[in-house]
Amino acid sequence: MPDSRRPSNASRRRLLGVSLGIGSAALLPGCAIPPRLAAVPADRSRHARVLGLPNERFRIATPEGQAAFDREVVDALVRRRRALNLPEGAMVPALNLLAVSGGGENGAFGAGLLNGWTEHGTRPVFDLATGVSTGALTAPFAFLGPDWDGPLRDVYTSITPERVLRRRRITAAIFDDALADTSPLFETISHYLNERMLAAIAQGHQEGRLLLIGTADIDAQTPVVWNVGAIAASGHPRALDTVRRILLASAAIPGAFPPVMFDVTIDGEAHQEMHVDGGTFAQAFLYPSAVTSARRAAIARRQRVQPARAWIIRNGRLDSDWASVDRRSISIAARAVSTMIAASGFNDAVRLYFFAQRDGIDYNLAYIDQGFTQTLETPFEPTYMRALYAYGYDQARSGFEWAKTPPL
């Protein structure tokens, strides 16, 4: 039996086990697989646009994508200086960089921590906020600040399984694009992310702050970082729907949840990109290394650099999740996948730590520790999520002790 202190991967294993246990379904008569437009050709991905904005997103795995992201950061700092009425060339006060990881139901921990941090009175304004998977649902509220703590609390304490997904038949594993329909989750996202929230995100972008959400383009097998603030500020008639779909895509667990298709046009021809959970590549991210090359050069020359603090919220545990695994192929495969997901989260915390050390950035890490013992019985169980929210909230309200290093 699993250790009752480590409930975080229980529902994920169930979803993965069902996803993998589909061999017999291949023998059943079925309907047509969901259609799609042609994928973007391999050598044309960097030219694809969803809304036609040059800075709507960045493919940071390419030199062109990193360079474009670098330019966006420079432009943001210019806007930030103007918003703060600083003289030309003056340094912006200490930068606060937030990364909120994936973790499904465990996103309740990060939501509680952020709101408790507000109550403690020390929560900063974030100049950069990034999110992946469930972190993509949290990051916009964190970016907007304490005025949005109420809706953030509601997202993670009033959610029910019915507001996330509708289960499909097991044959969907062969004849459909996922085992569940996430139309309810899109409706939930749309309820909170309305015109008012989009306008607030646009205002934050105009003030020189960045809100970035990660997805995975699985046609191209590349991570994609969406510049949500720029999309919100664009005034494009499809901006609101696009941002909602980006959040849905970032949380689309492959196989369990449907991918999100984005229509693009290249050379007058219509194509579609297939995007899934950003955790396919990384559970959390802050910036590509090219962005801080000038900072590293200044540190090497012993020049003064802008103070910066990185805040990493890991919506999960960083210790091992022991379980007795049945000697069956499905159980072993599901356990191996959940192990890879857990290892990815741990490796991200370590990777961001070494990046911060290299770039002279103060590193601060939060994660679910052994003090939280409640067990998750079913996916998106309200009782579990409310208890985890309260756990994060109580810790932060009394003065959270951020880890200065990962638990190496």
Protein backbone atom coordinates (compact mmCIF):
# COMPACT_ATOMS: atom_id res chain seq x y z
CA MET A 1 0.00 0.00 0.00
CA PRO A 2 1.23 3.58 -0.66
CA ASP A 3 2.48 5.62 2.26
CA SER A 4 -0.51 7.67 3.48
CA ARG A 5 1.73 10.67 3.87
CA ARG A 6 2.27 10.91 0.11
CA PRO A 7 -1.07 11.26 -1.65
CA SER A 8 -0.08 13.57 -4.45
CA ASN A 9 0.33 11.09 -7.30
CA ALA A 10 -2.56 8.73 -6.46
CA SER A 11 -5.11 10.12 -8.91
CA ARG A 12 -2.44 10.68 -11.55
CA ARG A 13 -1.53 6.99 -11.39
CA ARG A 14 -5.20 6.07 -11.87
CA LEU A 15 -5.46 8.25 -14.97
CA LEU A 16 -2.22 6.90 -16.35
CA GLY A 17 -3.19 3.32 -15.60
CA VAL A 18 -6.43 3.67 -17.51
CA SER A 19 -4.63 5.42 -20.37
CA LEU A 20 -2.21 2.54 -20.67
CA GLY A 21 -4.75 -0.24 -20.19
CA ILE A 22 -6.32 -0.03 -23.63
CA GLY A 23 -5.06 -3.05 -25.50
CA SER A 24 -8.37 -4.85 -25.66
CA ALA A 25 -10.17 -1.73 -26.87
CA ALA A 26 -8.33 -1.98 -30.20
CA LEU A 27 -10.47 -5.05 -31.06
CA LEU A 28 -13.76 -3.15 -30.71
CA PRO A 29 -15.59 -1.53 -33.63
CA GLY A 30 -15.18 2.23 -33.45
CA CYS A 31 -15.96 5.54 -34.98
CA ALA A 32 -13.71 7.95 -36.81
CA ILE A 33 -10.75 9.51 -35.05
CA PRO A 34 -11.29 13.29 -34.53
CA PRO A 35 -10.22 15.16 -37.68
CA ARG A 36 -7.61 17.86 -37.83
CA LEU A 37 -6.02 20.19 -40.37
CA ALA A 38 -2.53 19.51 -41.66
CA ALA A 39 0.25 20.03 -39.13
CA VAL A 40 2.69 22.89 -39.65
CA PRO A 41 5.64 21.67 -41.78
CA ALA A 42 8.76 20.94 -39.76
CA ASP A 43 10.75 23.87 -41.15
CA ARG A 44 7.92 26.41 -40.84
CA SER A 45 7.02 26.33 -37.14
CA ARG A 46 8.84 29.55 -36.35
CA HIS A 47 6.74 31.39 -38.94
CA ALA A 48 3.37 30.25 -37.59
CA ARG A 49 1.19 32.86 -35.87
CA VAL A 50 -2.13 32.42 -34.10
CA LEU A 51 -3.19 36.08 -33.89
CA GLY A 52 -0.55 37.55 -36.16
CA LEU A 53 1.37 39.22 -33.32
CA PRO A 54 5.18 39.10 -33.63
CA ASN A 55 5.61 38.66 -29.86
CA GLU A 56 2.60 36.46 -29.05
CA ARG A 57 4.82 33.49 -28.14
CA PHE A 58 8.40 32.22 -28.17
CA ARG A 59 9.86 28.87 -29.19
CA ILE A 60 12.66 29.08 -26.66
CA ALA A 61 14.36 25.88 -27.81
CA THR A 62 15.61 27.74 -30.92
CA PRO A 63 18.16 30.58 -31.16
CA GLU A 64 15.54 32.73 -32.91
CA GLY A 65 13.06 32.11 -30.12
CA GLN A 66 15.54 32.93 -27.39
CA ALA A 67 16.58 36.12 -29.18
CA ALA A 68 12.94 37.20 -29.52
CA PHE A 69 12.34 36.51 -25.82
CA ASP A 70 15.47 38.48 -24.95
CA ARG A 71 14.13 41.48 -26.90
CA GLU A 72 10.78 41.19 -25.14
CA VAL A 73 12.46 41.29 -21.72
CA VAL A 74 14.47 44.38 -22.72
CA ASP A 75 11.31 46.11 -23.96
CA ALA A 76 9.51 45.19 -20.74
CA LEU A 77 12.25 46.77 -18.63
CA VAL A 78 11.91 49.98 -20.65
CA ARG A 79 8.15 50.02 -19.99
CA ARG A 80 8.76 49.25 -16.32
CA ARG A 81 11.12 52.22 -15.92
CA ARG A 82 8.52 54.48 -17.50
CA ALA A 83 5.75 53.13 -15.28
CA LEU A 84 7.89 53.80 -12.20
CA ASN A 85 8.93 57.26 -13.48
CA LEU A 86 12.62 56.35 -13.38
CA PRO A 87 15.18 58.30 -15.41
CA GLU A 88 16.49 56.79 -18.62
CA GLY A 89 19.06 54.08 -17.93
CA ALA A 90 18.21 53.82 -14.23
CA MET A 91 17.89 50.37 -12.73
CA VAL A 92 14.44 49.07 -11.83
CA PRO A 93 14.20 48.16 -8.12
CA ALA A 94 14.67 44.50 -7.23
CA LEU A 95 13.04 42.19 -9.74
CA ASN A 96 10.72 39.50 -8.38
CA LEU A 97 10.41 36.44 -10.61
CA LEU A 98 7.71 33.84 -9.90
CA ALA A 99 7.43 30.31 -11.29
CA VAL A 100 4.37 28.19 -10.44
CA SER A 101 4.71 24.52 -11.32
CA GLY A 102 2.28 21.87 -12.46
CA GLY A 103 0.76 19.40 -10.06
CA GLY A 104 -2.97 18.92 -10.75
CA GLU A 105 -4.97 19.02 -7.52
CA ASN A 106 -1.81 20.09 -5.68
CA GLY A 107 -2.22 23.53 -7.23
CA ALA A 108 -4.30 24.22 -4.12
CA PHE A 109 -1.03 24.42 -2.19
CA GLY A 110 0.34 27.27 -4.31
CA ALA A 111 -2.98 29.12 -4.22
CA GLY A 112 -3.12 28.90 -0.43
CA LEU A 113 0.52 29.94 -0.09
CA LEU A 114 0.05 33.03 -2.28
CA ASN A 115 -3.02 34.16 -0.37
CA GLY A 116 -1.41 33.50 3.01
CA TRP A 117 1.62 35.45 1.81
CA THR A 118 -0.69 38.40 1.19
CA GLU A 119 -2.01 38.17 4.75
CA HIS A 120 1.56 38.10 6.08
CA GLY A 121 2.12 41.43 4.35
CA THR A 122 5.38 40.60 2.56
CA ARG A 123 4.19 39.42 -0.85
CA PRO A 124 5.88 41.43 -3.62
CA VAL A 125 4.59 42.58 -6.99
CA PHE A 126 5.88 40.08 -9.53
CA ASP A 127 7.72 41.51 -12.51
CA LEU A 128 7.63 38.11 -14.19
CA ALA A 129 5.15 35.30 -13.50
CA THR A 130 5.22 31.96 -15.29
CA GLY A 131 2.94 28.95 -15.05
CA VAL A 132 2.72 25.39 -16.33
CA SER A 133 -0.31 23.06 -16.15
CA THR A 134 -2.17 23.83 -12.90
CA GLY A 135 0.41 26.60 -12.43
CA ALA A 136 -0.96 28.17 -15.62
CA LEU A 137 -4.31 28.55 -13.84
CA THR A 138 -2.64 30.14 -10.79
CA ALA A 139 -0.11 32.43 -12.48
CA PRO A 140 -2.58 35.03 -13.85
CA PHE A 141 -4.03 35.62 -10.38
CA ALA A 142 -0.55 35.81 -8.86
CA PHE A 143 0.49 38.26 -11.59
CA LEU A 144 -2.48 40.53 -10.88
CA GLY A 145 -1.82 40.67 -7.14
CA PRO A 146 -3.79 40.53 -3.87
CA ASP A 147 -6.97 42.09 -5.32
CA TRP A 148 -7.50 38.76 -7.06
CA ASP A 149 -6.91 36.51 -4.04
CA GLY A 150 -10.63 35.83 -3.65
CA PRO A 151 -11.13 34.33 -7.12
CA LEU A 152 -7.88 32.37 -6.76
CA ARG A 153 -9.14 30.84 -3.50
CA ASP A 154 -12.46 29.95 -5.14
CA VAL A 155 -10.78 28.20 -8.06
CA TYR A 156 -9.08 25.70 -5.75
CA THR A 157 -11.58 25.41 -2.91
CA SER A 158 -14.90 25.31 -4.79
CA ILE A 159 -13.78 23.13 -7.69
CA THR A 160 -15.41 19.73 -8.14
CA PRO A 161 -14.61 16.91 -10.60
CA GLU A 162 -17.73 17.87 -12.58
CA ARG A 163 -16.26 21.32 -13.21
CA VAL A 164 -13.08 19.80 -14.65
CA LEU A 165 -14.02 16.86 -16.87
CA ARG A 166 -16.60 14.44 -18.20
CA ARG A 167 -15.43 10.85 -18.48
CA ARG A 168 -15.64 9.11 -21.84
CA ARG A 169 -15.94 5.42 -22.56
CA ILE A 170 -12.80 3.30 -22.48
CA THR A 171 -12.98 3.04 -26.29
CA ALA A 172 -12.09 6.73 -26.39
CA ALA A 173 -8.49 5.64 -25.80
CA ILE A 174 -8.49 4.33 -29.39
CA PHE A 175 -11.20 6.27 -31.19
CA ASP A 176 -10.93 9.72 -29.58
CA ASP A 177 -8.20 12.13 -28.53
CA ALA A 178 -8.48 11.58 -24.75
CA LEU A 179 -10.22 9.60 -22.05
CA ALA A 180 -12.07 12.69 -20.79
CA ASP A 181 -13.82 15.75 -22.18
CA THR A 182 -12.53 18.96 -20.60
CA SER A 183 -15.31 21.25 -21.81
CA PRO A 184 -16.25 21.79 -18.13
CA LEU A 185 -12.70 22.98 -17.37
CA PHE A 186 -12.87 25.42 -20.29
CA GLU A 187 -16.15 26.73 -18.91
CA THR A 188 -14.56 27.11 -15.47
CA ILE A 189 -11.58 28.96 -16.93
CA SER A 190 -13.93 31.21 -18.93
CA HIS A 191 -15.96 32.02 -15.80
CA TYR A 192 -12.92 33.48 -14.06
CA LEU A 193 -10.91 34.74 -17.03
CA ASN A 194 -13.36 37.33 -18.32
CA GLU A 195 -13.00 40.71 -20.05
CA ARG A 196 -12.24 42.42 -16.74
CA MET A 197 -9.41 40.03 -15.93
CA LEU A 198 -8.02 40.30 -19.46
CA ALA A 199 -7.96 44.10 -19.16
CA ALA A 200 -6.10 43.86 -15.84
CA ILE A 201 -3.51 41.53 -17.40
CA ALA A 202 -3.10 43.98 -20.29
CA GLN A 203 -2.52 46.81 -17.80
CA GLY A 204 0.18 44.79 -16.06
CA HIS A 205 1.88 44.19 -19.41
CA GLN A 206 1.80 47.88 -20.25
CA GLU A 207 3.47 48.54 -16.89
CA GLY A 208 6.40 46.40 -18.00
CA ARG A 209 5.55 43.13 -16.28
CA LEU A 210 5.43 39.77 -18.05
CA LEU A 211 2.95 36.88 -17.73
CA LEU A 212 4.15 33.73 -19.50
CA ILE A 213 2.45 30.35 -19.85
CA GLY A 214 4.13 27.17 -21.12
CA THR A 215 2.61 24.56 -23.45
CA ALA A 216 4.08 21.79 -25.58
CA ASP A 217 3.68 21.71 -29.37
CA ILE A 218 3.79 17.95 -29.81
CA ASP A 219 3.82 18.07 -33.61
CA ALA A 220 7.11 19.97 -33.48
CA GLN A 221 8.18 18.43 -30.13
CA THR A 222 9.10 21.88 -28.82
CA PRO A 223 8.16 23.93 -25.74
CA VAL A 224 6.20 27.10 -26.44
CA VAL A 225 6.12 30.11 -24.10
CA TRP A 226 3.03 32.25 -24.62
CA ASN A 227 3.27 35.97 -23.94
CA VAL A 228 -0.17 36.27 -22.35
CA GLY A 229 0.23 39.92 -21.39
CA ALA A 230 1.06 40.95 -24.95
CA ILE A 231 -1.93 38.99 -26.26
CA ALA A 232 -4.20 40.63 -23.68
CA ALA A 233 -2.90 44.10 -24.58
CA SER A 234 -3.20 43.55 -28.33
CA GLY A 235 -6.89 44.44 -28.58
CA HIS A 236 -7.34 41.50 -30.96
CA PRO A 237 -10.97 40.30 -31.09
CA ARG A 238 -9.85 36.71 -30.42
CA ALA A 239 -7.46 37.62 -27.58
CA LEU A 240 -9.75 36.48 -24.75
CA ASP A 241 -10.63 33.15 -26.36
CA THR A 242 -6.98 32.53 -27.20
CA VAL A 243 -5.78 33.15 -23.63
CA ARG A 244 -8.47 30.81 -22.29
CA ARG A 245 -7.37 28.12 -24.74
CA ILE A 246 -3.72 28.61 -23.79
CA LEU A 247 -4.54 27.90 -20.14
CA LEU A 248 -6.58 24.87 -21.16
CA ALA A 249 -3.72 23.60 -23.35
CA SER A 250 -1.14 24.02 -20.60
CA ALA A 251 -3.23 21.77 -18.34
CA ALA A 252 -4.03 19.14 -21.02
CA ILE A 253 -2.49 15.94 -19.60
CA PRO A 254 -1.71 13.87 -22.74
CA GLY A 255 -4.02 10.90 -23.15
CA ALA A 256 -6.19 11.85 -20.18
CA PHE A 257 -7.27 15.31 -21.41
CA PRO A 258 -7.80 16.37 -25.06
CA PRO A 259 -5.10 18.43 -26.76
CA VAL A 260 -5.94 21.99 -27.77
CA MET A 261 -5.72 22.77 -31.48
CA PHE A 262 -4.52 26.20 -32.60
CA ASP A 263 -5.34 27.34 -36.14
CA VAL A 264 -2.52 29.06 -38.01
CA THR A 265 -2.00 30.18 -41.59
CA ILE A 266 1.30 29.88 -43.45
CA ASP A 267 1.70 31.14 -47.02
CA GLY A 268 -2.07 31.37 -47.31
CA GLU A 269 -2.66 27.75 -46.27
CA ALA A 270 -4.50 26.73 -43.12
CA HIS A 271 -2.72 24.46 -40.64
CA GLN A 272 -3.24 23.34 -37.05
CA GLU A 273 -0.84 22.92 -34.15
CA MET A 274 -1.55 20.36 -31.41
CA HIS A 275 -0.67 21.62 -27.91
CA VAL A 276 -0.70 19.72 -24.62
CA ASP A 277 0.45 20.08 -21.00
CA GLY A 278 3.54 22.28 -20.72
CA GLY A 279 4.84 19.82 -18.13
CA THR A 280 5.72 17.54 -21.05
CA PHE A 281 8.94 19.58 -21.22
CA ALA A 282 9.24 21.23 -17.80
CA GLN A 283 7.18 21.38 -14.62
CA ALA A 284 8.35 24.96 -14.04
CA PHE A 285 10.40 27.59 -15.87
CA LEU A 286 11.59 31.18 -15.47
CA TYR A 287 13.58 32.30 -18.52
CA PRO A 288 15.92 30.92 -21.20
CA SER A 289 19.62 31.36 -20.53
CA ALA A 290 20.04 33.88 -23.36
CA VAL A 291 17.97 36.42 -21.43
CA THR A 292 20.57 36.68 -18.66
CA SER A 293 23.73 36.65 -20.79
CA ALA A 294 24.29 40.39 -20.23
CA ARG A 295 23.77 39.92 -16.50
CA ARG A 296 26.33 37.12 -16.36
CA ALA A 297 28.82 39.23 -18.29
CA ALA A 298 28.35 42.12 -15.86
CA ILE A 299 28.85 39.81 -12.87
CA ALA A 300 32.04 38.48 -14.47
CA ARG A 301 33.30 42.08 -14.79
CA ARG A 302 32.27 42.68 -11.15
CA GLN A 303 29.85 45.37 -12.21
CA ARG A 304 26.71 46.24 -10.28
CA VAL A 305 23.63 44.34 -11.44
CA GLN A 306 19.96 44.68 -10.72
CA PRO A 307 18.89 42.84 -7.54
CA ALA A 308 16.62 39.92 -8.40
CA ARG A 309 14.74 37.26 -6.45
CA ALA A 310 13.33 34.01 -7.81
CA TRP A 311 10.30 32.50 -6.12
CA ILE A 312 9.60 28.88 -7.11
CA ILE A 313 6.31 27.26 -6.01
CA ARG A 314 6.47 23.52 -6.55
CA ASN A 315 2.91 22.16 -6.35
CA GLY A 316 4.06 18.75 -5.24
CA ARG A 317 6.53 16.89 -3.10
CA LEU A 318 10.24 16.61 -3.68
CA ASP A 319 10.77 13.41 -1.71
CA SER A 320 10.07 9.90 -2.97
CA ASP A 321 6.50 8.63 -3.30
CA TRP A 322 6.78 5.02 -2.12
CA ALA A 323 4.27 2.43 -3.34
CA SER A 324 4.03 -1.35 -3.67
CA VAL A 325 3.62 -1.93 -7.42
CA ASP A 326 1.65 -4.91 -8.76
CA ARG A 327 3.66 -7.19 -11.03
CA ARG A 328 1.57 -6.36 -14.09
CA SER A 329 2.62 -4.54 -17.23
CA ILE A 330 -0.01 -1.81 -16.87
CA SER A 331 0.89 -1.11 -13.24
CA ILE A 332 4.61 -1.10 -13.97
CA ALA A 333 4.23 1.22 -16.97
CA ALA A 334 1.97 3.63 -15.07
CA ARG A 335 4.38 3.66 -12.13
CA ALA A 336 7.30 4.37 -14.46
CA VAL A 337 5.48 7.33 -16.03
CA SER A 338 4.55 8.80 -12.64
CA THR A 339 8.19 8.36 -11.57
CA MET A 340 9.37 10.30 -14.61
CA ILE A 341 6.91 13.11 -13.81
CA ALA A 342 8.13 13.28 -10.21
CA ALA A 343 11.77 13.24 -11.35
CA SER A 344 11.04 16.05 -13.79
CA GLY A 345 9.65 18.23 -10.99
CA PHE A 346 12.68 17.58 -8.80
CA ASN A 347 15.09 18.23 -11.67
CA ASP A 348 13.37 21.52 -12.48
CA ALA A 349 13.84 22.73 -8.90
CA VAL A 350 17.55 21.84 -9.12
CA ARG A 351 17.94 23.34 -12.61
CA LEU A 352 16.40 26.65 -11.54
CA TYR A 353 18.62 26.68 -8.47
CA PHE A 354 21.81 26.42 -10.53
CA PHE A 355 20.52 29.02 -13.00
CA ALA A 356 19.87 31.39 -10.09
CA GLN A 357 23.35 30.78 -8.66
CA ARG A 358 24.93 31.39 -12.04
CA ASP A 359 22.97 34.62 -12.59
CA GLY A 360 23.33 36.09 -9.09
CA ILE A 361 19.62 35.70 -8.29
CA ASP A 362 18.29 35.02 -4.80
CA TYR A 363 16.62 31.59 -4.87
CA ASN A 364 13.49 30.76 -2.84
CA LEU A 365 11.66 27.44 -3.07
CA ALA A 366 8.33 26.23 -1.62
CA TYR A 367 7.00 22.68 -1.88
CA ILE A 368 4.65 20.31 -0.05
CA ASP A 369 6.54 18.81 2.86
CA GLN A 370 5.83 15.91 5.18
CA GLY A 371 3.71 18.07 7.45
CA PHE A 372 0.75 17.58 5.12
CA THR A 373 -0.61 14.06 5.58
CA GLN A 374 -4.11 14.01 4.06
CA THR A 375 -4.70 11.36 1.39
CA LEU A 376 -6.13 12.03 -2.07
CA GLU A 377 -8.76 9.37 -2.80
CA THR A 378 -10.22 10.52 -6.13
CA PRO A 379 -9.15 13.05 -8.80
CA PHE A 380 -9.97 16.68 -7.91
CA GLU A 381 -11.44 15.70 -4.55
CA PRO A 382 -12.75 18.94 -2.93
CA THR A 383 -12.00 17.86 0.66
CA TYR A 384 -8.36 17.17 -0.17
CA MET A 385 -7.91 20.41 -2.11
CA ARG A 386 -9.45 22.54 0.62
CA ALA A 387 -7.21 20.95 3.23
CA LEU A 388 -4.11 21.51 1.09
CA TYR A 389 -5.13 25.12 0.39
CA ALA A 390 -5.50 25.70 4.14
CA TYR A 391 -2.12 24.08 4.76
CA GLY A 392 -0.32 26.41 2.34
CA TYR A 393 -2.29 29.42 3.57
CA ASP A 394 -1.58 28.85 7.27
CA GLN A 395 2.13 28.35 6.66
CA ALA A 396 2.49 31.53 4.60
CA ARG A 397 0.31 33.67 6.85
CA SER A 398 2.59 32.94 9.79
CA GLY A 399 5.76 33.59 7.78
CA PHE A 400 6.75 30.88 5.34
CA GLU A 401 10.35 29.67 5.52
CA TRP A 402 11.41 29.49 1.88
CA ALA A 403 14.08 26.92 1.13
CA LYS A 404 17.27 28.52 -0.14
CA THR A 405 18.37 25.31 -1.86
CA PRO A 406 16.53 22.27 -3.22
CA PRO A 407 16.58 19.22 -0.89
CA LEU A 408 19.68 17.81 -2.57
